[in-house]
Amino acid sequence: MARGRPTTPLDLGGPISTETRINDRIRVPEVRLIGPGGEQVGIVRVEDALRVALEADLDLVEVAPDARPPVCKIMDYGKFKYETAQKARESRKNQQQTVIKEQKLRPKIDDHDYETKKRNVVRFLEAGSKVKVTIMFRGREQSRPELGFRLLQRLASDVAELGFVETSAKQDGRNMTMVLAPHKGAKTRVKAQQESAPRPAPSAAPAGQPAAEQAETAGPQ
């Protein structure tokens, strides 16, 4: 018997060879078997492994085809496929949600311009986006990196309720960069704070309004 030859799996055909092999598609003499509870059974003949899986009303699934012998596990393959697909969708969703915005500042920025830039950063963090903050140095400003560090520290402190420093300030050529990332649930927390903010009560109407209402309800005598 040509045991261990790489030509054996090719008997399954092109399309099937790229998929997870289960049950009678596993065409090798023996496998290293893992039981349904994760227990190591050892190396057994593939016929014996298939019989155990059939008796348990489960599937024999090849989980490590490149091992010698291949590693197979007894499991519910339908449930396994569903859980794997769920994890893949969740992973793609998380990747799609990660957006990096950029906000540029000058080291000698005035207070009004700083507040405008800070509002942009706040808006990005509330939307769940990361923010790359770039300090742009020009001319002699390049000899004063401490101005950039202080500005980035100030900004990080001002938005600390919404985000944290994911990548610390570092020099990048003429620029200095820092990456801020939103706290988990930051958007929800800000929204909750806005909703819990005190609002004028209906009774706090202008002093003349109740009198007008009384006159209106009294009518002519």
N, C-alpha and C. Protein backbone atom coordinates (compact mmCIF):
# COMPACT_ATOMS: atom_id res chain seq x y z
N MET A 1 0.86 -1.20 0.00
CA MET A 1 0.00 0.00 0.00
C MET A 1 0.88 1.24 0.00
N ALA A 2 0.55 2.21 -0.86
CA ALA A 2 1.34 3.44 -0.98
C ALA A 2 0.96 4.40 0.12
N ARG A 3 1.34 4.02 1.33
CA ARG A 3 0.95 4.81 2.49
C ARG A 3 1.75 6.11 2.56
N GLY A 4 1.05 7.24 2.81
CA GLY A 4 1.72 8.52 3.00
C GLY A 4 2.05 9.25 1.72
N ARG A 5 1.74 8.69 0.53
CA ARG A 5 2.03 9.39 -0.71
C ARG A 5 1.11 10.59 -0.87
N PRO A 6 1.63 11.73 -1.37
CA PRO A 6 0.81 12.93 -1.52
C PRO A 6 -0.25 12.82 -2.58
N THR A 7 -0.17 11.74 -3.44
CA THR A 7 -1.17 11.62 -4.50
C THR A 7 -2.50 11.11 -3.98
N THR A 8 -2.54 10.55 -2.79
CA THR A 8 -3.77 9.95 -2.28
C THR A 8 -4.93 10.93 -2.19
N PRO A 9 -4.76 12.16 -1.60
CA PRO A 9 -5.88 13.08 -1.49
C PRO A 9 -6.41 13.57 -2.83
N LEU A 10 -5.57 13.48 -3.92
CA LEU A 10 -6.01 14.00 -5.20
C LEU A 10 -7.12 13.16 -5.82
N ASP A 11 -7.35 11.96 -5.31
CA ASP A 11 -8.42 11.13 -5.83
C ASP A 11 -9.78 11.76 -5.60
N LEU A 12 -9.87 12.73 -4.69
CA LEU A 12 -11.16 13.34 -4.36
C LEU A 12 -11.60 14.35 -5.40
N GLY A 13 -10.71 14.78 -6.30
CA GLY A 13 -11.11 15.77 -7.30
C GLY A 13 -10.75 17.17 -6.86
N GLY A 14 -10.71 18.09 -7.82
CA GLY A 14 -10.31 19.47 -7.56
C GLY A 14 -11.13 20.20 -6.54
N PRO A 15 -12.44 20.40 -6.74
CA PRO A 15 -13.23 21.23 -5.84
C PRO A 15 -13.26 20.71 -4.41
N ILE A 16 -13.35 19.39 -4.24
CA ILE A 16 -13.50 18.83 -2.91
C ILE A 16 -12.19 18.94 -2.12
N SER A 17 -11.04 18.90 -2.82
CA SER A 17 -9.76 18.91 -2.14
C SER A 17 -9.52 20.19 -1.36
N THR A 18 -10.22 21.26 -1.70
CA THR A 18 -10.04 22.54 -1.00
C THR A 18 -10.99 22.68 0.17
N GLU A 19 -11.90 21.75 0.37
CA GLU A 19 -12.88 21.82 1.44
C GLU A 19 -12.48 20.91 2.59
N THR A 20 -13.13 21.13 3.72
CA THR A 20 -12.91 20.23 4.86
C THR A 20 -13.46 18.86 4.52
N ARG A 21 -12.64 17.85 4.70
CA ARG A 21 -13.10 16.49 4.37
C ARG A 21 -13.76 15.86 5.59
N ILE A 22 -14.87 15.22 5.36
CA ILE A 22 -15.61 14.58 6.45
C ILE A 22 -16.02 13.18 6.05
N ASN A 23 -16.19 12.33 7.05
CA ASN A 23 -16.74 10.97 6.88
C ASN A 23 -16.04 10.20 5.78
N ASP A 24 -16.80 9.69 4.78
CA ASP A 24 -16.19 8.82 3.77
C ASP A 24 -15.32 9.57 2.77
N ARG A 25 -15.24 10.89 2.87
CA ARG A 25 -14.31 11.64 2.01
C ARG A 25 -12.88 11.59 2.55
N ILE A 26 -12.74 11.10 3.78
CA ILE A 26 -11.41 10.97 4.38
C ILE A 26 -10.83 9.64 3.91
N ARG A 27 -9.95 9.69 2.92
CA ARG A 27 -9.44 8.46 2.30
C ARG A 27 -7.97 8.26 2.65
N VAL A 28 -7.73 7.95 3.89
CA VAL A 28 -6.39 7.60 4.36
C VAL A 28 -6.54 6.34 5.21
N PRO A 29 -5.47 5.57 5.35
CA PRO A 29 -5.58 4.31 6.10
C PRO A 29 -5.88 4.51 7.58
N GLU A 30 -5.25 5.51 8.19
CA GLU A 30 -5.44 5.71 9.62
C GLU A 30 -5.38 7.20 9.95
N VAL A 31 -5.92 7.55 11.11
CA VAL A 31 -5.98 8.95 11.53
C VAL A 31 -5.65 9.03 13.02
N ARG A 32 -5.25 10.23 13.44
CA ARG A 32 -5.09 10.49 14.87
C ARG A 32 -6.43 11.04 15.35
N LEU A 33 -7.13 10.30 16.16
CA LEU A 33 -8.52 10.60 16.50
C LEU A 33 -8.65 11.41 17.80
N ILE A 34 -9.51 12.41 17.73
CA ILE A 34 -9.91 13.19 18.90
C ILE A 34 -11.39 12.94 19.13
N GLY A 35 -11.76 12.59 20.34
CA GLY A 35 -13.15 12.28 20.65
C GLY A 35 -14.02 13.52 20.69
N PRO A 36 -15.33 13.34 20.80
CA PRO A 36 -16.27 14.47 20.80
C PRO A 36 -16.08 15.41 21.98
N GLY A 37 -15.49 14.93 23.06
CA GLY A 37 -15.25 15.78 24.21
C GLY A 37 -13.87 16.39 24.23
N GLY A 38 -13.11 16.22 23.13
CA GLY A 38 -11.77 16.76 23.05
C GLY A 38 -10.70 15.81 23.56
N GLU A 39 -11.09 14.60 23.94
CA GLU A 39 -10.13 13.65 24.48
C GLU A 39 -9.29 13.03 23.35
N GLN A 40 -8.02 12.78 23.63
CA GLN A 40 -7.11 12.18 22.66
C GLN A 40 -7.31 10.66 22.66
N VAL A 41 -7.79 10.13 21.55
CA VAL A 41 -8.01 8.68 21.44
C VAL A 41 -6.74 7.99 20.97
N GLY A 42 -6.02 8.64 20.05
CA GLY A 42 -4.79 8.05 19.51
C GLY A 42 -4.95 7.72 18.04
N ILE A 43 -3.97 6.99 17.52
CA ILE A 43 -3.98 6.62 16.10
C ILE A 43 -4.82 5.36 15.92
N VAL A 44 -5.82 5.47 15.06
CA VAL A 44 -6.73 4.34 14.80
C VAL A 44 -6.96 4.22 13.30
N ARG A 45 -7.45 3.07 12.88
CA ARG A 45 -7.82 2.90 11.47
C ARG A 45 -9.00 3.81 11.16
N VAL A 46 -9.03 4.34 9.95
CA VAL A 46 -10.10 5.27 9.59
C VAL A 46 -11.46 4.59 9.66
N GLU A 47 -11.50 3.28 9.36
CA GLU A 47 -12.78 2.55 9.45
C GLU A 47 -13.30 2.54 10.88
N ASP A 48 -12.39 2.35 11.83
CA ASP A 48 -12.81 2.34 13.24
C ASP A 48 -13.28 3.73 13.68
N ALA A 49 -12.59 4.77 13.23
CA ALA A 49 -12.98 6.13 13.58
C ALA A 49 -14.36 6.46 13.01
N LEU A 50 -14.62 6.03 11.79
CA LEU A 50 -15.93 6.26 11.17
C LEU A 50 -17.02 5.52 11.93
N ARG A 51 -16.72 4.31 12.39
CA ARG A 51 -17.71 3.54 13.13
C ARG A 51 -18.07 4.22 14.46
N VAL A 52 -17.05 4.75 15.15
CA VAL A 52 -17.29 5.44 16.42
C VAL A 52 -18.15 6.68 16.19
N ALA A 53 -17.84 7.43 15.13
CA ALA A 53 -18.62 8.63 14.82
C ALA A 53 -20.06 8.28 14.49
N LEU A 54 -20.24 7.21 13.72
CA LEU A 54 -21.59 6.79 13.34
C LEU A 54 -22.40 6.36 14.55
N GLU A 55 -21.77 5.63 15.46
CA GLU A 55 -22.46 5.18 16.66
C GLU A 55 -22.87 6.36 17.55
N ALA A 56 -22.10 7.44 17.50
CA ALA A 56 -22.41 8.63 18.31
C ALA A 56 -23.35 9.58 17.57
N ASP A 57 -23.76 9.20 16.35
CA ASP A 57 -24.62 10.04 15.51
C ASP A 57 -23.96 11.40 15.24
N LEU A 58 -22.64 11.35 15.02
CA LEU A 58 -21.87 12.56 14.72
C LEU A 58 -21.05 12.34 13.46
N ASP A 59 -20.20 13.31 13.14
CA ASP A 59 -19.38 13.24 11.93
C ASP A 59 -17.91 13.10 12.30
N LEU A 60 -17.16 12.49 11.39
CA LEU A 60 -15.71 12.44 11.50
C LEU A 60 -15.17 13.55 10.61
N VAL A 61 -14.50 14.52 11.22
CA VAL A 61 -14.05 15.71 10.49
C VAL A 61 -12.53 15.80 10.54
N GLU A 62 -11.92 15.99 9.38
CA GLU A 62 -10.47 16.15 9.28
C GLU A 62 -10.10 17.59 9.65
N VAL A 63 -9.45 17.77 10.79
CA VAL A 63 -9.15 19.13 11.27
C VAL A 63 -7.70 19.54 11.02
N ALA A 64 -6.82 18.57 10.76
CA ALA A 64 -5.42 18.88 10.45
C ALA A 64 -4.95 17.94 9.35
N PRO A 65 -5.29 18.27 8.09
CA PRO A 65 -4.98 17.36 6.99
C PRO A 65 -3.49 17.21 6.71
N ASP A 66 -2.67 18.18 7.10
CA ASP A 66 -1.24 18.11 6.79
C ASP A 66 -0.44 17.31 7.80
N ALA A 67 -1.08 16.95 8.91
CA ALA A 67 -0.38 16.14 9.91
C ALA A 67 -0.23 14.71 9.40
N ARG A 68 0.72 13.98 9.97
CA ARG A 68 0.92 12.58 9.58
C ARG A 68 0.86 11.69 10.82
N PRO A 69 -0.19 10.88 10.96
CA PRO A 69 -1.37 10.85 10.09
C PRO A 69 -2.27 12.06 10.32
N PRO A 70 -3.22 12.32 9.42
CA PRO A 70 -4.13 13.46 9.59
C PRO A 70 -4.89 13.37 10.91
N VAL A 71 -5.17 14.54 11.49
CA VAL A 71 -5.91 14.58 12.74
C VAL A 71 -7.39 14.75 12.43
N CYS A 72 -8.21 13.90 13.01
CA CYS A 72 -9.66 13.96 12.80
C CYS A 72 -10.36 14.05 14.15
N LYS A 73 -11.47 14.75 14.15
CA LYS A 73 -12.24 14.91 15.37
C LYS A 73 -13.68 14.50 15.13
N ILE A 74 -14.27 13.89 16.13
CA ILE A 74 -15.68 13.51 16.07
C ILE A 74 -16.50 14.69 16.58
N MET A 75 -17.41 15.20 15.74
CA MET A 75 -18.19 16.38 16.10
C MET A 75 -19.44 16.48 15.25
N ASP A 76 -20.29 17.44 15.59
CA ASP A 76 -21.45 17.78 14.77
C ASP A 76 -20.96 18.78 13.72
N TYR A 77 -20.77 18.31 12.49
CA TYR A 77 -20.16 19.17 11.46
C TYR A 77 -21.06 20.34 11.08
N GLY A 78 -22.37 20.14 11.08
CA GLY A 78 -23.29 21.23 10.76
C GLY A 78 -23.17 22.36 11.76
N LYS A 79 -23.11 22.01 13.04
CA LYS A 79 -22.96 23.02 14.09
C LYS A 79 -21.60 23.70 13.99
N PHE A 80 -20.57 22.93 13.66
CA PHE A 80 -19.22 23.48 13.52
C PHE A 80 -19.17 24.51 12.39
N LYS A 81 -19.80 24.20 11.25
CA LYS A 81 -19.81 25.13 10.11
C LYS A 81 -20.54 26.41 10.47
N TYR A 82 -21.65 26.27 11.18
CA TYR A 82 -22.44 27.45 11.56
C TYR A 82 -21.64 28.36 12.48
N GLU A 83 -21.00 27.78 13.49
CA GLU A 83 -20.23 28.59 14.45
C GLU A 83 -19.03 29.24 13.77
N THR A 84 -18.39 28.52 12.84
CA THR A 84 -17.25 29.09 12.12
C THR A 84 -17.68 30.27 11.26
N ALA A 85 -18.83 30.13 10.59
CA ALA A 85 -19.34 31.22 9.75
C ALA A 85 -19.71 32.43 10.59
N GLN A 86 -20.28 32.20 11.78
CA GLN A 86 -20.64 33.29 12.68
C GLN A 86 -19.39 34.07 13.11
N LYS A 87 -18.33 33.35 13.45
CA LYS A 87 -17.09 34.00 13.88
C LYS A 87 -16.48 34.80 12.74
N ALA A 88 -16.55 34.25 11.51
CA ALA A 88 -15.99 34.96 10.35
C ALA A 88 -16.76 36.24 10.08
N ARG A 89 -18.09 36.18 10.19
CA ARG A 89 -18.91 37.38 9.97
C ARG A 89 -18.62 38.44 11.03
N GLU A 90 -18.47 38.01 12.27
CA GLU A 90 -18.18 38.96 13.35
C GLU A 90 -16.82 39.62 13.15
N SER A 91 -15.85 38.81 12.68
CA SER A 91 -14.52 39.35 12.43
C SER A 91 -14.54 40.39 11.32
N ARG A 92 -15.28 40.09 10.23
CA ARG A 92 -15.39 41.05 9.12
C ARG A 92 -16.11 42.31 9.57
N LYS A 93 -17.12 42.15 10.40
CA LYS A 93 -17.87 43.30 10.89
C LYS A 93 -16.98 44.22 11.70
N ASN A 94 -16.15 43.63 12.57
CA ASN A 94 -15.25 44.43 13.39
C ASN A 94 -14.21 45.15 12.55
N GLN A 95 -13.73 44.49 11.49
CA GLN A 95 -12.75 45.12 10.61
C GLN A 95 -13.37 46.29 9.86
N GLN A 96 -14.61 46.13 9.40
CA GLN A 96 -15.27 47.19 8.66
C GLN A 96 -15.56 48.39 9.55
N GLN A 97 -15.77 48.16 10.84
CA GLN A 97 -16.12 49.25 11.74
C GLN A 97 -14.91 50.08 12.16
N THR A 98 -13.70 49.54 11.94
CA THR A 98 -12.50 50.26 12.34
C THR A 98 -12.12 51.26 11.25
N VAL A 99 -12.37 52.53 11.51
CA VAL A 99 -12.06 53.60 10.56
C VAL A 99 -11.08 54.55 11.23
N ILE A 100 -10.05 54.97 10.47
CA ILE A 100 -9.07 55.91 11.01
C ILE A 100 -9.24 57.26 10.31
N LYS A 101 -9.57 58.26 11.09
CA LYS A 101 -9.66 59.63 10.60
C LYS A 101 -8.35 60.34 10.92
N GLU A 102 -8.14 61.50 10.31
CA GLU A 102 -6.92 62.26 10.59
C GLU A 102 -7.26 63.71 10.88
N GLN A 103 -6.60 64.25 11.89
CA GLN A 103 -6.75 65.67 12.22
C GLN A 103 -5.35 66.29 12.30
N LYS A 104 -5.15 67.34 11.52
CA LYS A 104 -3.84 68.00 11.48
C LYS A 104 -3.88 69.30 12.28
N LEU A 105 -2.78 69.57 12.98
CA LEU A 105 -2.66 70.80 13.77
C LEU A 105 -1.27 71.39 13.56
N ARG A 106 -1.15 72.67 13.83
CA ARG A 106 0.15 73.34 13.86
C ARG A 106 0.59 73.48 15.31
N PRO A 107 1.90 73.42 15.58
CA PRO A 107 2.37 73.50 16.97
C PRO A 107 2.01 74.82 17.65
N LYS A 108 1.96 75.92 16.90
CA LYS A 108 1.62 77.23 17.48
C LYS A 108 0.19 77.60 17.09
N ILE A 109 -0.74 76.78 17.51
CA ILE A 109 -2.15 76.97 17.15
C ILE A 109 -2.82 77.90 18.16
N ASP A 110 -3.72 78.77 17.68
CA ASP A 110 -4.42 79.65 18.61
C ASP A 110 -5.59 78.91 19.26
N ASP A 111 -6.11 79.46 20.33
CA ASP A 111 -7.14 78.77 21.11
C ASP A 111 -8.40 78.49 20.30
N HIS A 112 -8.83 79.43 19.48
CA HIS A 112 -10.06 79.24 18.69
C HIS A 112 -9.90 78.09 17.70
N ASP A 113 -8.77 78.07 17.01
CA ASP A 113 -8.52 77.00 16.04
C ASP A 113 -8.39 75.66 16.76
N TYR A 114 -7.77 75.68 17.94
CA TYR A 114 -7.61 74.44 18.71
C TYR A 114 -8.97 73.87 19.08
N GLU A 115 -9.88 74.71 19.54
CA GLU A 115 -11.21 74.24 19.92
C GLU A 115 -11.94 73.64 18.73
N THR A 116 -11.76 74.23 17.55
CA THR A 116 -12.39 73.69 16.34
C THR A 116 -11.84 72.31 16.03
N LYS A 117 -10.52 72.17 16.08
CA LYS A 117 -9.89 70.88 15.79
C LYS A 117 -10.29 69.84 16.84
N LYS A 118 -10.38 70.28 18.09
CA LYS A 118 -10.75 69.35 19.16
C LYS A 118 -12.17 68.83 18.94
N ARG A 119 -13.08 69.72 18.51
CA ARG A 119 -14.46 69.27 18.25
C ARG A 119 -14.49 68.22 17.16
N ASN A 120 -13.63 68.36 16.16
CA ASN A 120 -13.55 67.35 15.11
C ASN A 120 -13.11 66.00 15.69
N VAL A 121 -12.11 66.03 16.55
CA VAL A 121 -11.62 64.80 17.16
C VAL A 121 -12.71 64.16 18.02
N VAL A 122 -13.42 64.97 18.78
CA VAL A 122 -14.53 64.48 19.60
C VAL A 122 -15.58 63.82 18.73
N ARG A 123 -15.91 64.45 17.62
CA ARG A 123 -16.93 63.91 16.71
C ARG A 123 -16.49 62.57 16.14
N PHE A 124 -15.23 62.46 15.77
CA PHE A 124 -14.71 61.20 15.22
C PHE A 124 -14.76 60.09 16.27
N LEU A 125 -14.34 60.40 17.49
CA LEU A 125 -14.34 59.39 18.55
C LEU A 125 -15.75 58.95 18.91
N GLU A 126 -16.68 59.90 18.95
CA GLU A 126 -18.08 59.55 19.25
C GLU A 126 -18.66 58.65 18.17
N ALA A 127 -18.16 58.78 16.95
CA ALA A 127 -18.65 57.93 15.85
C ALA A 127 -17.98 56.56 15.86
N GLY A 128 -17.06 56.34 16.81
CA GLY A 128 -16.40 55.04 16.90
C GLY A 128 -15.15 54.91 16.06
N SER A 129 -14.63 56.02 15.52
CA SER A 129 -13.45 55.99 14.67
C SER A 129 -12.18 56.28 15.47
N LYS A 130 -11.09 55.71 15.01
CA LYS A 130 -9.79 56.09 15.55
C LYS A 130 -9.37 57.41 14.89
N VAL A 131 -8.50 58.14 15.56
CA VAL A 131 -8.06 59.43 15.03
C VAL A 131 -6.54 59.51 15.06
N LYS A 132 -5.96 59.74 13.90
CA LYS A 132 -4.53 60.00 13.81
C LYS A 132 -4.33 61.51 13.87
N VAL A 133 -3.70 61.98 14.93
CA VAL A 133 -3.47 63.41 15.11
C VAL A 133 -2.06 63.73 14.64
N THR A 134 -1.94 64.66 13.71
CA THR A 134 -0.64 65.01 13.13
C THR A 134 -0.30 66.46 13.43
N ILE A 135 0.85 66.67 14.04
CA ILE A 135 1.38 68.02 14.26
C ILE A 135 2.36 68.32 13.13
N MET A 136 2.11 69.38 12.38
CA MET A 136 2.94 69.72 11.23
C MET A 136 3.91 70.85 11.60
N PHE A 137 5.20 70.54 11.55
CA PHE A 137 6.23 71.53 11.86
C PHE A 137 6.75 72.18 10.58
N ARG A 138 7.06 73.44 10.67
CA ARG A 138 7.63 74.16 9.53
C ARG A 138 8.83 74.98 9.99
N GLY A 139 9.83 75.03 9.13
CA GLY A 139 10.99 75.87 9.39
C GLY A 139 11.62 75.62 10.75
N ARG A 140 11.79 76.71 11.50
CA ARG A 140 12.45 76.62 12.80
C ARG A 140 11.63 75.87 13.84
N GLU A 141 10.34 75.66 13.56
CA GLU A 141 9.50 74.91 14.51
C GLU A 141 10.03 73.49 14.72
N GLN A 142 10.77 72.98 13.73
CA GLN A 142 11.28 71.61 13.83
C GLN A 142 12.29 71.46 14.96
N SER A 143 12.85 72.57 15.41
CA SER A 143 13.80 72.52 16.52
C SER A 143 13.11 72.59 17.88
N ARG A 144 11.76 72.64 17.86
CA ARG A 144 10.99 72.73 19.11
C ARG A 144 9.98 71.57 19.21
N PRO A 145 10.46 70.32 19.21
CA PRO A 145 9.52 69.19 19.27
C PRO A 145 8.67 69.18 20.54
N GLU A 146 9.17 69.83 21.61
CA GLU A 146 8.40 69.83 22.86
C GLU A 146 7.06 70.53 22.68
N LEU A 147 6.96 71.46 21.71
CA LEU A 147 5.68 72.12 21.45
C LEU A 147 4.65 71.10 20.97
N GLY A 148 5.09 70.21 20.10
CA GLY A 148 4.20 69.17 19.60
C GLY A 148 3.79 68.20 20.69
N PHE A 149 4.75 67.78 21.52
CA PHE A 149 4.44 66.86 22.61
C PHE A 149 3.41 67.47 23.57
N ARG A 150 3.61 68.72 23.92
CA ARG A 150 2.69 69.37 24.86
C ARG A 150 1.29 69.49 24.26
N LEU A 151 1.23 69.81 22.97
CA LEU A 151 -0.07 69.96 22.31
C LEU A 151 -0.80 68.62 22.24
N LEU A 152 -0.08 67.57 21.93
CA LEU A 152 -0.71 66.24 21.86
C LEU A 152 -1.16 65.78 23.24
N GLN A 153 -0.36 66.06 24.26
CA GLN A 153 -0.75 65.70 25.63
C GLN A 153 -2.00 66.47 26.05
N ARG A 154 -2.07 67.72 25.66
CA ARG A 154 -3.24 68.54 25.99
C ARG A 154 -4.49 67.98 25.33
N LEU A 155 -4.37 67.63 24.06
CA LEU A 155 -5.52 67.10 23.34
C LEU A 155 -5.96 65.76 23.92
N ALA A 156 -5.00 64.89 24.20
CA ALA A 156 -5.34 63.58 24.77
C ALA A 156 -6.05 63.74 26.11
N SER A 157 -5.62 64.71 26.90
CA SER A 157 -6.26 64.96 28.19
C SER A 157 -7.67 65.51 28.01
N ASP A 158 -7.85 66.38 27.02
CA ASP A 158 -9.15 67.01 26.81
C ASP A 158 -10.21 66.02 26.32
N VAL A 159 -9.79 64.96 25.62
CA VAL A 159 -10.76 63.99 25.07
C VAL A 159 -10.68 62.65 25.80
N ALA A 160 -10.08 62.65 27.00
CA ALA A 160 -9.87 61.39 27.72
C ALA A 160 -11.16 60.66 28.06
N GLU A 161 -12.28 61.38 28.16
CA GLU A 161 -13.56 60.74 28.45
C GLU A 161 -14.04 59.90 27.28
N LEU A 162 -13.58 60.23 26.09
CA LEU A 162 -14.06 59.55 24.89
C LEU A 162 -13.05 58.59 24.29
N GLY A 163 -11.76 58.86 24.48
CA GLY A 163 -10.76 58.01 23.85
C GLY A 163 -9.47 57.95 24.65
N PHE A 164 -8.59 57.06 24.23
CA PHE A 164 -7.30 56.88 24.89
C PHE A 164 -6.20 56.87 23.84
N VAL A 165 -4.97 57.06 24.29
CA VAL A 165 -3.83 57.08 23.38
C VAL A 165 -3.46 55.64 23.03
N GLU A 166 -3.73 55.26 21.79
CA GLU A 166 -3.39 53.91 21.34
C GLU A 166 -1.93 53.84 20.89
N THR A 167 -1.48 54.88 20.18
CA THR A 167 -0.08 54.98 19.76
C THR A 167 0.48 56.30 20.25
N SER A 168 1.48 56.24 21.11
CA SER A 168 2.03 57.46 21.71
C SER A 168 2.67 58.36 20.66
N ALA A 169 2.86 59.62 21.05
CA ALA A 169 3.43 60.61 20.14
C ALA A 169 4.82 60.19 19.69
N LYS A 170 5.06 60.30 18.39
CA LYS A 170 6.39 59.97 17.85
C LYS A 170 6.69 60.87 16.66
N GLN A 171 7.97 61.14 16.46
CA GLN A 171 8.41 61.99 15.36
C GLN A 171 8.36 61.19 14.06
N ASP A 172 7.83 61.80 13.01
CA ASP A 172 7.73 61.15 11.70
C ASP A 172 8.16 62.17 10.65
N GLY A 173 9.48 62.27 10.45
CA GLY A 173 9.99 63.29 9.53
C GLY A 173 9.76 64.68 10.10
N ARG A 174 9.09 65.52 9.33
CA ARG A 174 8.77 66.87 9.79
C ARG A 174 7.56 66.89 10.72
N ASN A 175 6.85 65.81 10.77
CA ASN A 175 5.61 65.76 11.54
C ASN A 175 5.78 64.97 12.83
N MET A 176 4.79 65.11 13.69
CA MET A 176 4.70 64.31 14.90
C MET A 176 3.28 63.74 14.95
N THR A 177 3.15 62.45 15.20
CA THR A 177 1.84 61.81 15.14
C THR A 177 1.51 61.08 16.44
N MET A 178 0.22 60.94 16.65
CA MET A 178 -0.33 60.20 17.79
C MET A 178 -1.67 59.62 17.33
N VAL A 179 -2.00 58.42 17.78
CA VAL A 179 -3.27 57.80 17.40
C VAL A 179 -4.15 57.66 18.65
N LEU A 180 -5.37 58.18 18.55
CA LEU A 180 -6.37 58.05 19.61
C LEU A 180 -7.40 57.02 19.19
N ALA A 181 -7.84 56.21 20.12
CA ALA A 181 -8.87 55.21 19.85
C ALA A 181 -10.03 55.41 20.81
N PRO A 182 -11.26 55.18 20.34
CA PRO A 182 -12.42 55.39 21.22
C PRO A 182 -12.53 54.32 22.28
N HIS A 183 -13.00 54.72 23.46
CA HIS A 183 -13.32 53.73 24.49
C HIS A 183 -14.50 52.91 24.00
N LYS A 184 -14.59 51.68 24.46
CA LYS A 184 -15.76 50.85 24.12
C LYS A 184 -17.00 51.48 24.72
N GLY A 185 -18.02 51.66 23.89
CA GLY A 185 -19.26 52.24 24.36
C GLY A 185 -19.21 53.73 24.56
N ALA A 186 -18.18 54.40 24.02
CA ALA A 186 -18.06 55.85 24.21
C ALA A 186 -19.26 56.58 23.63
N LYS A 187 -19.69 56.15 22.46
CA LYS A 187 -20.82 56.83 21.82
C LYS A 187 -22.08 56.68 22.67
N THR A 188 -22.28 55.48 23.20
CA THR A 188 -23.45 55.25 24.03
C THR A 188 -23.39 56.07 25.31
N ARG A 189 -22.19 56.19 25.90
CA ARG A 189 -22.05 56.93 27.14
C ARG A 189 -22.35 58.41 26.93
N VAL A 190 -21.84 58.98 25.85
CA VAL A 190 -22.09 60.40 25.58
C VAL A 190 -23.57 60.65 25.34
N LYS A 191 -24.19 59.75 24.60
CA LYS A 191 -25.62 59.90 24.33
C LYS A 191 -26.42 59.83 25.62
N ALA A 192 -26.02 58.92 26.50
CA ALA A 192 -26.72 58.79 27.79
C ALA A 192 -26.55 60.04 28.62
N GLN A 193 -25.36 60.65 28.58
CA GLN A 193 -25.13 61.87 29.34
C GLN A 193 -26.00 63.01 28.81
N GLN A 194 -26.14 63.06 27.49
CA GLN A 194 -26.97 64.10 26.90
C GLN A 194 -28.44 63.92 27.28
N GLU A 195 -28.87 62.65 27.28
CA GLU A 195 -30.27 62.38 27.61
C GLU A 195 -30.57 62.63 29.08
N SER A 196 -29.54 62.44 29.94
CA SER A 196 -29.75 62.63 31.37
C SER A 196 -29.54 64.08 31.81
N ALA A 197 -29.14 64.95 30.89
CA ALA A 197 -28.93 66.36 31.24
C ALA A 197 -30.25 66.97 31.67
N PRO A 198 -30.24 67.84 32.69
CA PRO A 198 -31.49 68.45 33.17
C PRO A 198 -32.14 69.32 32.10
N ARG A 199 -33.44 69.19 31.99
CA ARG A 199 -34.20 69.99 31.03
C ARG A 199 -35.20 70.85 31.79
N PRO A 200 -35.58 71.99 31.25
CA PRO A 200 -36.57 72.85 31.92
C PRO A 200 -37.88 72.11 32.14
N ALA A 201 -38.37 72.16 33.36
CA ALA A 201 -39.64 71.49 33.68
C ALA A 201 -40.79 72.30 33.11
N PRO A 202 -41.89 71.64 32.76
CA PRO A 202 -43.05 72.36 32.21
C PRO A 202 -43.56 73.44 33.15
N SER A 203 -43.37 73.26 34.48
CA SER A 203 -43.89 74.24 35.44
C SER A 203 -43.07 75.52 35.46
N ALA A 204 -41.84 75.44 34.91
CA ALA A 204 -40.97 76.61 34.93
C ALA A 204 -41.27 77.52 33.76
N ALA A 205 -42.50 77.91 33.60
CA ALA A 205 -42.91 78.79 32.52
C ALA A 205 -42.77 80.23 32.96
N PRO A 206 -42.75 81.18 32.03
CA PRO A 206 -42.67 82.59 32.39
C PRO A 206 -43.77 82.98 33.37
N ALA A 207 -43.44 83.95 34.24
CA ALA A 207 -44.36 84.32 35.32
C ALA A 207 -45.70 84.79 34.80
N GLY A 208 -45.72 85.44 33.65
CA GLY A 208 -46.99 85.97 33.14
C GLY A 208 -47.87 84.94 32.50
N GLN A 209 -47.29 83.75 32.19
CA GLN A 209 -48.07 82.77 31.44
C GLN A 209 -49.24 82.21 32.24
N PRO A 210 -49.07 81.85 33.51
CA PRO A 210 -50.23 81.31 34.25
C PRO A 210 -51.37 82.31 34.34
N ALA A 211 -51.03 83.61 34.50
CA ALA A 211 -52.09 84.62 34.58
C ALA A 211 -52.86 84.69 33.28
N ALA A 212 -52.14 84.59 32.18
CA ALA A 212 -52.80 84.64 30.88
C ALA A 212 -53.72 83.45 30.73
N GLU A 213 -53.22 82.29 31.20
CA GLU A 213 -54.04 81.09 31.09
C GLU A 213 -55.30 81.22 31.95
N GLN A 214 -55.15 81.83 33.16
CA GLN A 214 -56.30 81.99 34.03
C GLN A 214 -57.33 82.93 33.41
N ALA A 215 -56.83 83.99 32.80
CA ALA A 215 -57.75 84.93 32.16
C ALA A 215 -58.46 84.28 31.00
N GLU A 216 -57.73 83.40 30.32
CA GLU A 216 -58.30 82.76 29.14
C GLU A 216 -59.38 81.77 29.56
N THR A 217 -59.15 81.06 30.67
CA THR A 217 -60.12 80.06 31.09
C THR A 217 -61.31 80.68 31.82
N ALA A 218 -61.10 81.87 32.42
CA ALA A 218 -62.20 82.49 33.16
C ALA A 218 -63.31 82.96 32.23
N GLY A 219 -62.98 83.58 31.13
CA GLY A 219 -64.00 84.02 30.17
C GLY A 219 -64.79 85.20 30.69
N PRO A 220 -65.71 85.69 29.91
CA PRO A 220 -66.53 86.85 30.31
C PRO A 220 -67.46 86.49 31.45
N GLN A 221 -67.68 87.44 32.34
CA GLN A 221 -68.59 87.23 33.48
C GLN A 221 -70.01 87.58 33.09
